[in-house]
């Protein structure tokens, strides 16, 4: 069967909402009654290995799909909506295919995940849960109480980072921000009361470091930030601190985070994302072996979190998975489809390169 669009890596509520949103456009006569869509939990490569079909002119994916070369370099330019805020996995193809991502991506859900990790790590939640098994009340470490004297530094204050800043501020922390666009942001009304600080000054006395930056892998870009939180940089902190990452793992290598935790330099970790997630998935699901130090460190962090052994809190890239976020993601993806269809299938209203 030929499909007008295929949604890959679509699971749970998001898959349901994608179907609902598409049917709404058909009912409104924006899409034709004959419009056929397929929603599958499989990645592009998994689906094509099981089905001998031609991919339609437009598809949507998440971050684990790999596009076939004949789709990327087709004489008729193809169209891809990545149903995430990140687009680095397809960024190199922006001259060959039309690419759009979700610009209003799960802002509240991801920001609330950062706050959740902050409260868990400060509160030593794993230790307190484990001690409750024997109702141990005396041999328990003191948790980090929230106070204006506790400094939270948010790195990257776009839509999500803005919310992260506000959430930690409202709970009672002293919050600052680091952003390469700080001079531009200071001129905006919504940031008028933000305390911006340089990257070098920020790390010196942070109690909690929160990464909310988008990943940029292009080395000639001023936004390049692979291994941004390297060992030398993190060691500049004069305090022992908590580290939280809710955007992309490659920005903060797990091997460094684990090493500093074992030295008691880092007091706790909250990770919603990991480096090399495809390889890590194979290691965790299929017991594949890896020689990558960050994959091995990530596996150790995950296992120690699950066993409540350490002050680690992890999720499998699920910060976007709230009930409201699933609905908003599907709506925004279908809005891209709507524009593409009404624009004579010639690209998206907002697409790469964004800047």
C-alpha atoms as a PDB file:
ATOM      1  CA  UNK A   1       0.000   0.000   0.000  1.00  0.00           C
ATOM      2  CA  UNK A   2       1.147   3.528  -0.748  1.00  0.00           C
ATOM      3  CA  UNK A   3       0.925   6.035   2.089  1.00  0.00           C
ATOM      4  CA  UNK A   4       0.783   9.836   1.978  1.00  0.00           C
ATOM      5  CA  UNK A   5       2.751  10.041   5.236  1.00  0.00           C
ATOM      6  CA  UNK A   6       4.368   7.588   7.639  1.00  0.00           C
ATOM      7  CA  UNK A   7       4.968   8.439  11.294  1.00  0.00           C
ATOM      8  CA  UNK A   8       7.897   6.400  12.605  1.00  0.00           C
ATOM      9  CA  UNK A   9       8.797   5.772  16.273  1.00  0.00           C
ATOM     10  CA  UNK A  10       5.259   6.701  17.362  1.00  0.00           C
ATOM     11  CA  UNK A  11       4.248   5.142  20.663  1.00  0.00           C
ATOM     12  CA  UNK A  12       1.406   5.271  23.180  1.00  0.00           C
ATOM     13  CA  UNK A  13      -0.589   8.467  23.501  1.00  0.00           C
ATOM     14  CA  UNK A  14       1.486  10.260  20.897  1.00  0.00           C
ATOM     15  CA  UNK A  15       0.444   7.686  18.293  1.00  0.00           C
ATOM     16  CA  UNK A  16      -3.199   8.126  19.283  1.00  0.00           C
ATOM     17  CA  UNK A  17      -3.005  11.905  19.022  1.00  0.00           C
ATOM     18  CA  UNK A  18      -1.264  11.755  15.628  1.00  0.00           C
ATOM     19  CA  UNK A  19      -4.228   9.778  14.312  1.00  0.00           C
ATOM     20  CA  UNK A  20      -6.752  12.149  15.902  1.00  0.00           C
ATOM     21  CA  UNK A  21      -5.014  15.271  14.565  1.00  0.00           C
ATOM     22  CA  UNK A  22      -4.806  13.819  11.042  1.00  0.00           C
ATOM     23  CA  UNK A  23      -8.462  12.802  11.063  1.00  0.00           C
ATOM     24  CA  UNK A  24      -9.402  16.318  12.164  1.00  0.00           C
ATOM     25  CA  UNK A  25      -7.685  17.791   9.089  1.00  0.00           C
ATOM     26  CA  UNK A  26      -9.545  15.323   6.883  1.00  0.00           C
ATOM     27  CA  UNK A  27     -12.876  16.286   8.488  1.00  0.00           C
ATOM     28  CA  UNK A  28     -12.041  19.951   7.885  1.00  0.00           C
ATOM     29  CA  UNK A  29     -11.293  19.175   4.204  1.00  0.00           C
ATOM     30  CA  UNK A  30      -7.732  20.407   4.608  1.00  0.00           C
ATOM     31  CA  UNK A  31      -6.519  16.925   3.697  1.00  0.00           C
ATOM     32  CA  UNK A  32      -8.404  14.817   1.107  1.00  0.00           C
ATOM     33  CA  UNK A  33     -10.693  11.983   2.206  1.00  0.00           C
ATOM     34  CA  UNK A  34      -8.310   9.588   0.441  1.00  0.00           C
ATOM     35  CA  UNK A  35      -5.335  10.690   2.567  1.00  0.00           C
ATOM     36  CA  UNK A  36      -3.620   7.605   3.998  1.00  0.00           C
ATOM     37  CA  UNK A  37      -1.216   7.675   6.927  1.00  0.00           C
ATOM     38  CA  UNK A  38       0.652   4.914   8.723  1.00  0.00           C
ATOM     39  CA  UNK A  39       1.686   5.138  12.366  1.00  0.00           C
ATOM     40  CA  UNK A  40       4.347   2.670  13.512  1.00  0.00           C
ATOM     41  CA  UNK A  41       6.546   2.266  16.603  1.00  0.00           C
ATOM     42  CA  UNK A  42       9.404   1.091  14.366  1.00  0.00           C
ATOM     43  CA  UNK A  43      12.323   3.229  13.219  1.00  0.00           C
ATOM     44  CA  UNK A  44      12.726   3.888   9.497  1.00  0.00           C
ATOM     45  CA  UNK A  45      15.439   1.249   9.149  1.00  0.00           C
ATOM     46  CA  UNK A  46      13.480  -1.348  11.137  1.00  0.00           C
ATOM     47  CA  UNK A  47      10.349  -0.789   9.076  1.00  0.00           C
ATOM     48  CA  UNK A  48      12.176  -0.954   5.739  1.00  0.00           C
ATOM     49  CA  UNK A  49      13.901  -4.188   6.749  1.00  0.00           C
ATOM     50  CA  UNK A  50      10.459  -5.769   7.125  1.00  0.00           C
ATOM     51  CA  UNK A  51       8.586  -4.029   4.298  1.00  0.00           C
ATOM     52  CA  UNK A  52       9.517  -3.521   0.660  1.00  0.00           C
ATOM     53  CA  UNK A  53       7.996  -0.100   0.032  1.00  0.00           C
ATOM     54  CA  UNK A  54       8.925   3.333  -1.234  1.00  0.00           C
ATOM     55  CA  UNK A  55       8.883   5.967   1.473  1.00  0.00           C
ATOM     56  CA  UNK A  56       6.334   8.732   0.828  1.00  0.00           C
ATOM     57  CA  UNK A  57       7.279  12.319   0.026  1.00  0.00           C
ATOM     58  CA  UNK A  58       6.887  13.261   3.693  1.00  0.00           C
ATOM     59  CA  UNK A  59       7.621  11.301   6.871  1.00  0.00           C
ATOM     60  CA  UNK A  60       7.986  12.051  10.570  1.00  0.00           C
ATOM     61  CA  UNK A  61      10.540  10.439  12.872  1.00  0.00           C
ATOM     62  CA  UNK A  62      12.239  10.787  16.214  1.00  0.00           C
ATOM     63  CA  UNK A  63      15.953  10.584  16.892  1.00  0.00           C
ATOM     64  CA  UNK A  64      16.730   6.905  16.313  1.00  0.00           C
ATOM     65  CA  UNK A  65      15.702   6.645  12.663  1.00  0.00           C
ATOM     66  CA  UNK A  66      18.312   6.450   9.912  1.00  0.00           C
ATOM     67  CA  UNK A  67      17.256   7.712   6.498  1.00  0.00           C
ATOM     68  CA  UNK A  68      18.282   5.648   3.426  1.00  0.00           C
ATOM     69  CA  UNK A  69      20.594   7.397   0.980  1.00  0.00           C
ATOM     70  CA  UNK A  70      18.137   7.080  -1.895  1.00  0.00           C
ATOM     71  CA  UNK A  71      15.655   9.095   0.165  1.00  0.00           C
ATOM     72  CA  UNK A  72      18.162  11.767   1.160  1.00  0.00           C
ATOM     73  CA  UNK A  73      19.663  12.232  -2.291  1.00  0.00           C
ATOM     74  CA  UNK A  74      16.493  11.828  -4.336  1.00  0.00           C
ATOM     75  CA  UNK A  75      16.087  14.098  -7.371  1.00  0.00           C
ATOM     76  CA  UNK A  76      12.652  15.004  -5.978  1.00  0.00           C
ATOM     77  CA  UNK A  77      13.399  16.718  -2.659  1.00  0.00           C
ATOM     78  CA  UNK A  78      11.898  14.802   0.270  1.00  0.00           C
ATOM     79  CA  UNK A  79      10.461  16.170   3.505  1.00  0.00           C
ATOM     80  CA  UNK A  80      11.087  15.090   7.105  1.00  0.00           C
ATOM     81  CA  UNK A  81       9.495  16.316  10.327  1.00  0.00           C
ATOM     82  CA  UNK A  82      11.549  15.259  13.327  1.00  0.00           C
ATOM     83  CA  UNK A  83       9.174  15.006  16.281  1.00  0.00           C
ATOM     84  CA  UNK A  84      11.680  16.382  18.771  1.00  0.00           C
ATOM     85  CA  UNK A  85      13.292  19.728  19.430  1.00  0.00           C
ATOM     86  CA  UNK A  86      16.710  18.350  18.472  1.00  0.00           C
ATOM     87  CA  UNK A  87      17.628  17.973  14.825  1.00  0.00           C
ATOM     88  CA  UNK A  88      21.390  17.298  14.886  1.00  0.00           C
ATOM     89  CA  UNK A  89      20.781  13.711  13.682  1.00  0.00           C
ATOM     90  CA  UNK A  90      19.551  15.110  10.345  1.00  0.00           C
ATOM     91  CA  UNK A  91      21.268  18.506  10.313  1.00  0.00           C
ATOM     92  CA  UNK A  92      23.889  17.487   7.747  1.00  0.00           C
ATOM     93  CA  UNK A  93      21.126  16.780   5.201  1.00  0.00           C
ATOM     94  CA  UNK A  94      19.511  20.219   5.324  1.00  0.00           C
ATOM     95  CA  UNK A  95      20.641  20.998   1.769  1.00  0.00           C
ATOM     96  CA  UNK A  96      19.205  17.742   0.423  1.00  0.00           C
ATOM     97  CA  UNK A  97      15.846  17.443   2.178  1.00  0.00           C
ATOM     98  CA  UNK A  98      13.375  19.812   3.803  1.00  0.00           C
ATOM     99  CA  UNK A  99      13.627  19.350   7.569  1.00  0.00           C
ATOM    100  CA  UNK A 100      11.394  20.734  10.312  1.00  0.00           C
ATOM    101  CA  UNK A 101      11.435  20.038  14.049  1.00  0.00           C
ATOM    102  CA  UNK A 102       9.086  20.824  16.925  1.00  0.00           C
ATOM    103  CA  UNK A 103       9.913  24.361  17.991  1.00  0.00           C
ATOM    104  CA  UNK A 104       7.410  24.424  20.888  1.00  0.00           C
ATOM    105  CA  UNK A 105       8.575  21.028  22.063  1.00  0.00           C
ATOM    106  CA  UNK A 106       7.237  19.893  25.441  1.00  0.00           C
ATOM    107  CA  UNK A 107       8.477  22.996  27.213  1.00  0.00           C
ATOM    108  CA  UNK A 108       6.726  22.438  30.530  1.00  0.00           C
ATOM    109  CA  UNK A 109       7.246  18.673  30.609  1.00  0.00           C
ATOM    110  CA  UNK A 110      11.015  18.818  30.071  1.00  0.00           C
ATOM    111  CA  UNK A 111      11.444  21.736  32.477  1.00  0.00           C
ATOM    112  CA  UNK A 112       9.471  19.884  35.135  1.00  0.00           C
ATOM    113  CA  UNK A 113      11.733  16.868  34.615  1.00  0.00           C
ATOM    114  CA  UNK A 114      14.749  19.048  35.405  1.00  0.00           C
ATOM    115  CA  UNK A 115      13.077  20.247  38.604  1.00  0.00           C
ATOM    116  CA  UNK A 116      12.092  16.683  39.521  1.00  0.00           C
ATOM    117  CA  UNK A 117      15.722  15.590  39.195  1.00  0.00           C
ATOM    118  CA  UNK A 118      16.799  18.599  41.248  1.00  0.00           C
ATOM    119  CA  UNK A 119      14.483  17.741  44.126  1.00  0.00           C
ATOM    120  CA  UNK A 120      15.409  14.039  44.031  1.00  0.00           C
ATOM    121  CA  UNK A 121      19.166  14.648  44.053  1.00  0.00           C
ATOM    122  CA  UNK A 122      19.000  17.350  46.719  1.00  0.00           C
ATOM    123  CA  UNK A 123      16.749  15.132  48.836  1.00  0.00           C
ATOM    124  CA  UNK A 124      18.913  11.984  48.520  1.00  0.00           C
ATOM    125  CA  UNK A 125      15.686  10.218  47.577  1.00  0.00           C
ATOM    126  CA  UNK A 126      17.238   6.810  46.808  1.00  0.00           C
ATOM    127  CA  UNK A 127      19.032   6.656  50.141  1.00  0.00           C
ATOM    128  CA  UNK A 128      15.928   7.660  52.087  1.00  0.00           C
ATOM    129  CA  UNK A 129      13.793   5.081  50.256  1.00  0.00           C
ATOM    130  CA  UNK A 130      16.338   2.337  50.863  1.00  0.00           C
ATOM    131  CA  UNK A 131      16.669   3.181  54.562  1.00  0.00           C
ATOM    132  CA  UNK A 132      12.919   2.943  54.929  1.00  0.00           C
ATOM    133  CA  UNK A 133      13.141  -0.823  54.257  1.00  0.00           C
ATOM    134  CA  UNK A 134      14.489  -1.194  57.824  1.00  0.00           C
ATOM    135  CA  UNK A 135      13.040   2.098  59.047  1.00  0.00           C
ATOM    136  CA  UNK A 136      16.585   3.352  59.604  1.00  0.00           C
ATOM    137  CA  UNK A 137      16.430   6.913  60.928  1.00  0.00           C
ATOM    138  CA  UNK A 138      19.852   7.459  62.465  1.00  0.00           C
ATOM    139  CA  UNK A 139      22.356   6.394  59.827  1.00  0.00           C
ATOM    140  CA  UNK A 140      21.076   8.693  57.125  1.00  0.00           C
ATOM    141  CA  UNK A 141      22.982  11.504  55.457  1.00  0.00           C
ATOM    142  CA  UNK A 142      21.625  15.036  55.633  1.00  0.00           C
ATOM    143  CA  UNK A 143      19.953  16.129  52.437  1.00  0.00           C
ATOM    144  CA  UNK A 144      20.546  19.482  50.747  1.00  0.00           C
ATOM    145  CA  UNK A 145      17.818  21.816  51.924  1.00  0.00           C
ATOM    146  CA  UNK A 146      16.465  24.380  49.470  1.00  0.00           C
ATOM    147  CA  UNK A 147      17.611  27.890  50.305  1.00  0.00           C
ATOM    148  CA  UNK A 148      18.392  31.198  48.567  1.00  0.00           C
ATOM    149  CA  UNK A 149      21.985  30.384  49.478  1.00  0.00           C
ATOM    150  CA  UNK A 150      21.902  27.393  47.086  1.00  0.00           C
ATOM    151  CA  UNK A 151      22.992  28.413  43.594  1.00  0.00           C
ATOM    152  CA  UNK A 152      21.441  26.811  40.508  1.00  0.00           C
ATOM    153  CA  UNK A 153      23.006  27.611  37.138  1.00  0.00           C
ATOM    154  CA  UNK A 154      20.915  26.954  34.031  1.00  0.00           C
ATOM    155  CA  UNK A 155      22.928  26.563  30.835  1.00  0.00           C
ATOM    156  CA  UNK A 156      20.823  27.489  27.814  1.00  0.00           C
ATOM    157  CA  UNK A 157      17.718  29.618  28.363  1.00  0.00           C
ATOM    158  CA  UNK A 158      15.621  29.135  25.281  1.00  0.00           C
ATOM    159  CA  UNK A 159      11.974  28.166  25.693  1.00  0.00           C
ATOM    160  CA  UNK A 160      12.715  25.178  27.955  1.00  0.00           C
ATOM    161  CA  UNK A 161      15.612  26.813  29.800  1.00  0.00           C
ATOM    162  CA  UNK A 162      13.451  29.827  30.571  1.00  0.00           C
ATOM    163  CA  UNK A 163      10.936  27.549  32.291  1.00  0.00           C
ATOM    164  CA  UNK A 164      13.689  25.662  34.144  1.00  0.00           C
ATOM    165  CA  UNK A 165      15.020  28.968  35.477  1.00  0.00           C
ATOM    166  CA  UNK A 166      11.547  30.008  36.682  1.00  0.00           C
ATOM    167  CA  UNK A 167      10.744  26.640  38.276  1.00  0.00           C
ATOM    168  CA  UNK A 168      13.946  26.527  40.351  1.00  0.00           C
ATOM    169  CA  UNK A 169      13.525  30.197  41.243  1.00  0.00           C
ATOM    170  CA  UNK A 170       9.934  29.668  42.398  1.00  0.00           C
ATOM    171  CA  UNK A 171      10.938  26.731  44.586  1.00  0.00           C
ATOM    172  CA  UNK A 172      13.404  28.959  46.423  1.00  0.00           C
ATOM    173  CA  UNK A 173      16.845  28.604  44.829  1.00  0.00           C
ATOM    174  CA  UNK A 174      19.196  31.396  43.776  1.00  0.00           C
ATOM    175  CA  UNK A 175      19.244  30.967  39.987  1.00  0.00           C
ATOM    176  CA  UNK A 176      21.606  32.303  37.297  1.00  0.00           C
ATOM    177  CA  UNK A 177      21.826  31.658  33.565  1.00  0.00           C
ATOM    178  CA  UNK A 178      24.559  31.015  31.029  1.00  0.00           C
ATOM    179  CA  UNK A 179      23.773  31.549  27.356  1.00  0.00           C
ATOM    180  CA  UNK A 180      25.963  32.463  24.402  1.00  0.00           C
ATOM    181  CA  UNK A 181      23.177  34.842  23.314  1.00  0.00           C
ATOM    182  CA  UNK A 182      22.977  36.617  26.676  1.00  0.00           C
ATOM    183  CA  UNK A 183      23.507  40.146  25.324  1.00  0.00           C
ATOM    184  CA  UNK A 184      20.647  39.646  22.884  1.00  0.00           C
ATOM    185  CA  UNK A 185      18.403  38.038  25.505  1.00  0.00           C
ATOM    186  CA  UNK A 186      18.955  40.850  28.016  1.00  0.00           C
ATOM    187  CA  UNK A 187      17.120  43.188  25.653  1.00  0.00           C
ATOM    188  CA  UNK A 188      13.978  41.050  25.773  1.00  0.00           C
ATOM    189  CA  UNK A 189      11.236  41.831  28.274  1.00  0.00           C
ATOM    190  CA  UNK A 190      10.816  38.224  29.440  1.00  0.00           C
ATOM    191  CA  UNK A 191      14.477  38.046  30.534  1.00  0.00           C
ATOM    192  CA  UNK A 192      14.700  41.469  32.141  1.00  0.00           C
ATOM    193  CA  UNK A 193      15.113  40.054  35.659  1.00  0.00           C
ATOM    194  CA  UNK A 194      17.391  37.133  34.734  1.00  0.00           C
ATOM    195  CA  UNK A 195      20.881  37.098  36.159  1.00  0.00           C
ATOM    196  CA  UNK A 196      23.213  36.234  33.292  1.00  0.00           C
ATOM    197  CA  UNK A 197      26.759  35.184  34.054  1.00  0.00           C
ATOM    198  CA  UNK A 198      29.730  34.076  31.970  1.00  0.00           C
ATOM    199  CA  UNK A 199      30.522  30.408  31.471  1.00  0.00           C
ATOM    200  CA  UNK A 200      33.797  30.744  33.381  1.00  0.00           C
ATOM    201  CA  UNK A 201      32.281  32.601  36.330  1.00  0.00           C
ATOM    202  CA  UNK A 202      29.225  30.356  36.507  1.00  0.00           C
ATOM    203  CA  UNK A 203      30.956  27.088  37.315  1.00  0.00           C
ATOM    204  CA  UNK A 204      32.922  28.411  40.293  1.00  0.00           C
ATOM    205  CA  UNK A 205      30.216  28.214  42.951  1.00  0.00           C
ATOM    206  CA  UNK A 206      27.200  26.366  41.503  1.00  0.00           C
ATOM    207  CA  UNK A 207      25.388  23.948  43.816  1.00  0.00           C
ATOM    208  CA  UNK A 208      23.353  22.580  40.932  1.00  0.00           C
ATOM    209  CA  UNK A 209      24.311  22.650  37.255  1.00  0.00           C
ATOM    210  CA  UNK A 210      21.436  22.125  34.801  1.00  0.00           C
ATOM    211  CA  UNK A 211      22.119  21.563  31.106  1.00  0.00           C
ATOM    212  CA  UNK A 212      19.264  22.687  28.845  1.00  0.00           C
ATOM    213  CA  UNK A 213      21.324  23.474  25.728  1.00  0.00           C
ATOM    214  CA  UNK A 214      20.503  22.095  22.297  1.00  0.00           C
ATOM    215  CA  UNK A 215      23.315  19.956  20.918  1.00  0.00           C
ATOM    216  CA  UNK A 216      25.285  21.467  18.036  1.00  0.00           C
ATOM    217  CA  UNK A 217      27.825  19.113  16.442  1.00  0.00           C
ATOM    218  CA  UNK A 218      29.032  21.428  13.667  1.00  0.00           C
ATOM    219  CA  UNK A 219      32.590  22.270  14.709  1.00  0.00           C
ATOM    220  CA  UNK A 220      32.718  25.550  12.822  1.00  0.00           C
ATOM    221  CA  UNK A 221      29.581  26.823  14.562  1.00  0.00           C
ATOM    222  CA  UNK A 222      29.820  29.266  17.460  1.00  0.00           C
ATOM    223  CA  UNK A 223      27.167  27.095  19.122  1.00  0.00           C
ATOM    224  CA  UNK A 224      29.315  23.914  18.987  1.00  0.00           C
ATOM    225  CA  UNK A 225      29.016  22.238  22.384  1.00  0.00           C
ATOM    226  CA  UNK A 226      30.029  18.571  22.221  1.00  0.00           C
ATOM    227  CA  UNK A 227      31.829  17.755  25.531  1.00  0.00           C
ATOM    228  CA  UNK A 228      30.983  21.238  26.780  1.00  0.00           C
ATOM    229  CA  UNK A 229      30.962  19.921  30.355  1.00  0.00           C
ATOM    230  CA  UNK A 230      34.394  18.349  30.212  1.00  0.00           C
ATOM    231  CA  UNK A 231      36.451  17.334  33.225  1.00  0.00           C
ATOM    232  CA  UNK A 232      38.681  20.407  33.266  1.00  0.00           C
ATOM    233  CA  UNK A 233      35.682  22.717  33.220  1.00  0.00           C
ATOM    234  CA  UNK A 234      33.700  20.904  35.910  1.00  0.00           C
ATOM    235  CA  UNK A 235      36.714  20.749  38.229  1.00  0.00           C
ATOM    236  CA  UNK A 236      36.751  24.556  38.358  1.00  0.00           C
ATOM    237  CA  UNK A 237      33.751  24.424  40.686  1.00  0.00           C
ATOM    238  CA  UNK A 238      34.924  25.216  44.219  1.00  0.00           C
ATOM    239  CA  UNK A 239      31.949  23.320  45.635  1.00  0.00           C
ATOM    240  CA  UNK A 240      30.741  19.742  45.469  1.00  0.00           C
ATOM    241  CA  UNK A 241      27.693  19.937  43.237  1.00  0.00           C
ATOM    242  CA  UNK A 242      24.745  18.206  41.550  1.00  0.00           C
ATOM    243  CA  UNK A 243      24.573  17.765  37.777  1.00  0.00           C
ATOM    244  CA  UNK A 244      21.345  17.525  35.745  1.00  0.00           C
ATOM    245  CA  UNK A 245      21.029  16.964  31.988  1.00  0.00           C
ATOM    246  CA  UNK A 246      17.695  17.013  30.129  1.00  0.00           C
ATOM    247  CA  UNK A 247      18.686  17.779  26.525  1.00  0.00           C
ATOM    248  CA  UNK A 248      21.507  15.748  24.926  1.00  0.00           C
ATOM    249  CA  UNK A 249      24.060  13.380  26.429  1.00  0.00           C
ATOM    250  CA  UNK A 250      26.949  14.310  24.158  1.00  0.00           C
ATOM    251  CA  UNK A 251      27.173  17.698  25.859  1.00  0.00           C
ATOM    252  CA  UNK A 252      28.234  16.069  29.147  1.00  0.00           C
ATOM    253  CA  UNK A 253      30.184  12.776  28.816  1.00  0.00           C
ATOM    254  CA  UNK A 254      29.035  10.163  31.313  1.00  0.00           C
ATOM    255  CA  UNK A 255      32.569   8.907  31.927  1.00  0.00           C
ATOM    256  CA  UNK A 256      33.495  12.326  33.319  1.00  0.00           C
ATOM    257  CA  UNK A 257      30.334  12.600  35.416  1.00  0.00           C
ATOM    258  CA  UNK A 258      30.832   9.152  36.925  1.00  0.00           C
ATOM    259  CA  UNK A 259      34.515   9.787  37.639  1.00  0.00           C
ATOM    260  CA  UNK A 260      33.766  13.023  39.488  1.00  0.00           C
ATOM    261  CA  UNK A 261      30.922  11.366  41.390  1.00  0.00           C
ATOM    262  CA  UNK A 262      33.239   8.623  42.605  1.00  0.00           C
ATOM    263  CA  UNK A 263      35.611  11.350  43.819  1.00  0.00           C
ATOM    264  CA  UNK A 264      32.687  13.014  45.672  1.00  0.00           C
ATOM    265  CA  UNK A 265      33.084  16.099  43.523  1.00  0.00           C
ATOM    266  CA  UNK A 266      29.619  15.489  42.075  1.00  0.00           C
ATOM    267  CA  UNK A 267      27.014  14.714  44.739  1.00  0.00           C
ATOM    268  CA  UNK A 268      24.207  13.467  42.517  1.00  0.00           C
ATOM    269  CA  UNK A 269      23.122  12.994  38.904  1.00  0.00           C
ATOM    270  CA  UNK A 270      19.794  13.451  37.137  1.00  0.00           C
ATOM    271  CA  UNK A 271      19.978  12.261  33.521  1.00  0.00           C
ATOM    272  CA  UNK A 272      17.152  12.089  31.004  1.00  0.00           C
ATOM    273  CA  UNK A 273      19.583  11.739  28.086  1.00  0.00           C
ATOM    274  CA  UNK A 274      22.763   9.832  27.278  1.00  0.00           C
ATOM    275  CA  UNK A 275      25.601   9.839  24.771  1.00  0.00           C
ATOM    276  CA  UNK A 276      25.390   7.302  21.932  1.00  0.00           C
ATOM    277  CA  UNK A 277      21.831   6.282  22.807  1.00  0.00           C
ATOM    278  CA  UNK A 278      21.505   3.776  19.943  1.00  0.00           C
ATOM    279  CA  UNK A 279      24.571   1.857  21.099  1.00  0.00           C
ATOM    280  CA  UNK A 280      23.509   2.138  24.728  1.00  0.00           C
ATOM    281  CA  UNK A 281      20.116   0.667  23.820  1.00  0.00           C
ATOM    282  CA  UNK A 282      21.806  -2.378  22.276  1.00  0.00           C
ATOM    283  CA  UNK A 283      23.983  -2.823  25.361  1.00  0.00           C
ATOM    284  CA  UNK A 284      21.013  -2.663  27.730  1.00  0.00           C
ATOM    285  CA  UNK A 285      18.488  -4.659  25.713  1.00  0.00           C
ATOM    286  CA  UNK A 286      20.608  -7.235  23.951  1.00  0.00           C
ATOM    287  CA  UNK A 287      23.679  -7.449  26.183  1.00  0.00           C
ATOM    288  CA  UNK A 288      25.866  -6.230  23.329  1.00  0.00           C
ATOM    289  CA  UNK A 289      29.407  -5.382  24.363  1.00  0.00           C
ATOM    290  CA  UNK A 290      30.820  -1.898  24.043  1.00  0.00           C
ATOM    291  CA  UNK A 291      34.281  -0.422  24.403  1.00  0.00           C
ATOM    292  CA  UNK A 292      33.021   3.145  24.543  1.00  0.00           C
ATOM    293  CA  UNK A 293      33.840   4.653  27.938  1.00  0.00           C
ATOM    294  CA  UNK A 294      30.725   6.822  27.970  1.00  0.00           C
ATOM    295  CA  UNK A 295      28.397   3.943  27.096  1.00  0.00           C
ATOM    296  CA  UNK A 296      29.962   1.822  29.848  1.00  0.00           C
ATOM    297  CA  UNK A 297      29.678   4.681  32.331  1.00  0.00           C
ATOM    298  CA  UNK A 298      26.061   5.297  31.338  1.00  0.00           C
ATOM    299  CA  UNK A 299      25.245   1.618  31.915  1.00  0.00           C
ATOM    300  CA  UNK A 300      26.798   1.775  35.382  1.00  0.00           C
ATOM    301  CA  UNK A 301      24.884   4.953  36.240  1.00  0.00           C
ATOM    302  CA  UNK A 302      21.599   3.411  35.078  1.00  0.00           C
ATOM    303  CA  UNK A 303      22.157   0.169  37.011  1.00  0.00           C
ATOM    304  CA  UNK A 304      23.110   2.037  40.186  1.00  0.00           C
ATOM    305  CA  UNK A 305      20.040   4.234  39.859  1.00  0.00           C
ATOM    306  CA  UNK A 306      17.678   1.301  39.424  1.00  0.00           C
ATOM    307  CA  UNK A 307      19.177  -0.487  42.456  1.00  0.00           C
ATOM    308  CA  UNK A 308      18.911   2.723  44.540  1.00  0.00           C
ATOM    309  CA  UNK A 309      22.622   2.263  45.210  1.00  0.00           C
ATOM    310  CA  UNK A 310      23.695   5.820  44.424  1.00  0.00           C
ATOM    311  CA  UNK A 311      22.224   9.317  44.247  1.00  0.00           C
ATOM    312  CA  UNK A 312      21.400   8.812  40.560  1.00  0.00           C
ATOM    313  CA  UNK A 313      18.029   9.407  38.871  1.00  0.00           C
ATOM    314  CA  UNK A 314      17.561   8.388  35.256  1.00  0.00           C
ATOM    315  CA  UNK A 315      14.973   8.230  32.482  1.00  0.00           C
ATOM    316  CA  UNK A 316      15.209   6.854  28.963  1.00  0.00           C
ATOM    317  CA  UNK A 317      14.862  10.243  27.238  1.00  0.00           C
ATOM    318  CA  UNK A 318      11.320  10.596  28.580  1.00  0.00           C
ATOM    319  CA  UNK A 319      11.165  14.198  29.746  1.00  0.00           C
ATOM    320  CA  UNK A 320       8.744  14.883  26.902  1.00  0.00           C
ATOM    321  CA  UNK A 321       6.349  12.101  27.896  1.00  0.00           C
ATOM    322  CA  UNK A 322       3.694  13.860  29.953  1.00  0.00           C
ATOM    323  CA  UNK A 323       0.049  13.497  28.988  1.00  0.00           C
ATOM    324  CA  UNK A 324      -0.129  17.101  27.802  1.00  0.00           C
ATOM    325  CA  UNK A 325       3.215  16.931  25.987  1.00  0.00           C
ATOM    326  CA  UNK A 326       2.159  13.913  23.908  1.00  0.00           C
ATOM    327  CA  UNK A 327      -0.844  15.853  22.674  1.00  0.00           C
ATOM    328  CA  UNK A 328       1.088  19.044  21.921  1.00  0.00           C
ATOM    329  CA  UNK A 329       3.827  17.139  20.055  1.00  0.00           C
ATOM    330  CA  UNK A 330       1.311  15.445  17.808  1.00  0.00           C
ATOM    331  CA  UNK A 331      -0.503  18.732  17.167  1.00  0.00           C
ATOM    332  CA  UNK A 332       2.670  20.586  16.221  1.00  0.00           C
ATOM    333  CA  UNK A 333       3.848  17.779  13.928  1.00  0.00           C
ATOM    334  CA  UNK A 334       0.526  17.768  12.096  1.00  0.00           C
ATOM    335  CA  UNK A 335       0.619  21.568  11.851  1.00  0.00           C
ATOM    336  CA  UNK A 336       3.866  21.136   9.877  1.00  0.00           C
ATOM    337  CA  UNK A 337       2.061  18.627   7.648  1.00  0.00           C
ATOM    338  CA  UNK A 338      -0.832  21.036   7.201  1.00  0.00           C
ATOM    339  CA  UNK A 339       1.452  23.878   6.060  1.00  0.00           C
ATOM    340  CA  UNK A 340       3.416  21.564   3.761  1.00  0.00           C
ATOM    341  CA  UNK A 341       0.251  20.314   2.096  1.00  0.00           C
ATOM    342  CA  UNK A 342      -1.252  23.788   1.696  1.00  0.00           C
ATOM    343  CA  UNK A 343       2.082  25.122   0.394  1.00  0.00           C
ATOM    344  CA  UNK A 344       1.926  22.805  -2.616  1.00  0.00           C
ATOM    345  CA  UNK A 345       4.296  20.351  -0.880  1.00  0.00           C
ATOM    346  CA  UNK A 346       7.258  22.713  -1.239  1.00  0.00           C
ATOM    347  CA  UNK A 347       8.710  22.806   2.244  1.00  0.00           C
ATOM    348  CA  UNK A 348       7.796  23.950   5.723  1.00  0.00           C
ATOM    349  CA  UNK A 349       7.054  27.355   7.213  1.00  0.00           C
ATOM    350  CA  UNK A 350       9.979  26.892   9.622  1.00  0.00           C
ATOM    351  CA  UNK A 351      12.761  24.563   8.583  1.00  0.00           C
ATOM    352  CA  UNK A 352      16.516  24.117   8.728  1.00  0.00           C
ATOM    353  CA  UNK A 353      18.646  26.129   8.768  1.00  0.00           C
ATOM    354  CA  UNK A 354      16.819  27.979  11.548  1.00  0.00           C
ATOM    355  CA  UNK A 355      19.615  30.436  12.261  1.00  0.00           C
END
